[in-house]
């Protein structure tokens, strides 16, 4: 049981390291221009960011899961509590 937990933690650390490496490589090859990321060599737009606004009615557990998803996927977000 403990070995399974250790393997899971190791896999999670490896995934975090892999994402960090990918991000570092992307940033080394590209530059940010406005809301776009452009390849320094070719000038090609490799990623474009847009801002979306939506409202979701969720309970506390769902809100926590949503925030965790956003963090895991490196998505910038803002929260605003609206009582309805």
Protein backbone atom coordinates (compact mmCIF):
# COMPACT_ATOMS: atom_id res chain seq x y z
CA UNK A 1 0.00 0.00 0.00
CA UNK A 2 2.74 2.45 0.97
CA UNK A 3 4.74 1.60 -2.16
CA UNK A 4 1.71 2.39 -4.32
CA UNK A 5 1.39 5.79 -2.66
CA UNK A 6 5.10 6.45 -3.15
CA UNK A 7 4.85 5.50 -6.84
CA UNK A 8 1.85 7.78 -7.27
CA UNK A 9 3.70 10.68 -5.61
CA UNK A 10 6.75 10.00 -7.79
CA UNK A 11 4.57 9.99 -10.92
CA UNK A 12 3.01 13.29 -9.86
CA UNK A 13 6.46 14.83 -9.30
CA UNK A 14 7.62 13.57 -12.69
CA UNK A 15 4.53 15.05 -14.36
CA UNK A 16 5.13 18.42 -12.67
CA UNK A 17 8.78 18.34 -13.76
CA UNK A 18 7.75 17.43 -17.33
CA UNK A 19 5.29 20.32 -17.50
CA UNK A 20 7.90 22.71 -16.12
CA UNK A 21 10.41 21.51 -18.74
CA UNK A 22 7.87 21.93 -21.55
CA UNK A 23 7.05 25.45 -20.35
CA UNK A 24 10.74 26.37 -20.12
CA UNK A 25 11.34 25.08 -23.66
CA UNK A 26 8.33 27.00 -24.98
CA UNK A 27 9.49 30.20 -23.32
CA UNK A 28 13.03 29.75 -24.66
CA UNK A 29 11.80 29.32 -28.26
CA UNK A 30 9.06 31.94 -28.19
CA UNK A 31 8.27 35.43 -27.00
CA UNK A 32 5.03 36.90 -25.74
CA UNK A 33 3.52 39.60 -27.93
CA UNK A 34 0.29 40.98 -26.51
CA UNK A 35 -1.98 37.99 -25.91
CA UNK A 36 -0.02 35.74 -28.29
CA UNK A 37 3.11 33.65 -28.06
CA UNK A 38 5.25 33.91 -31.21
CA UNK A 39 8.08 31.61 -32.39
CA UNK A 40 11.31 33.67 -32.27
CA UNK A 41 12.71 32.01 -35.40
CA UNK A 42 9.72 31.80 -37.75
CA UNK A 43 7.42 34.51 -36.40
CA UNK A 44 4.61 31.94 -36.34
CA UNK A 45 1.90 32.35 -33.70
CA UNK A 46 2.14 29.22 -31.58
CA UNK A 47 -0.40 30.08 -28.92
CA UNK A 48 -3.06 32.71 -28.48
CA UNK A 49 -4.75 33.53 -25.22
CA UNK A 50 -8.30 34.77 -24.84
CA UNK A 51 -10.25 35.79 -21.80
CA UNK A 52 -13.63 34.19 -21.20
CA UNK A 53 -16.16 35.11 -18.57
CA UNK A 54 -18.78 32.69 -17.36
CA UNK A 55 -20.92 32.04 -14.34
CA UNK A 56 -21.32 28.64 -12.71
CA UNK A 57 -23.54 27.71 -9.78
CA UNK A 58 -21.56 25.16 -7.76
CA UNK A 59 -21.23 23.92 -4.22
CA UNK A 60 -18.02 24.38 -2.20
CA UNK A 61 -16.58 20.99 -3.16
CA UNK A 62 -17.22 21.63 -6.85
CA UNK A 63 -15.65 25.08 -6.58
CA UNK A 64 -12.56 23.58 -4.95
CA UNK A 65 -12.33 20.93 -7.68
CA UNK A 66 -12.68 23.60 -10.36
CA UNK A 67 -9.94 25.73 -8.81
CA UNK A 68 -7.69 22.67 -8.56
CA UNK A 69 -8.32 21.92 -12.26
CA UNK A 70 -7.43 25.50 -13.21
CA UNK A 71 -4.23 25.40 -11.15
CA UNK A 72 -3.21 21.99 -12.49
CA UNK A 73 -3.61 23.25 -16.05
CA UNK A 74 -1.83 26.57 -15.39
CA UNK A 75 -4.95 28.57 -16.25
CA UNK A 76 -5.05 32.11 -14.90
CA UNK A 77 -8.35 32.83 -13.18
CA UNK A 78 -10.19 35.25 -10.96
CA UNK A 79 -12.98 34.40 -8.59
CA UNK A 80 -15.92 36.41 -7.41
CA UNK A 81 -18.46 35.07 -4.98
CA UNK A 82 -22.00 35.99 -5.94
CA UNK A 83 -24.78 35.10 -3.53
CA UNK A 84 -27.85 33.92 -5.37
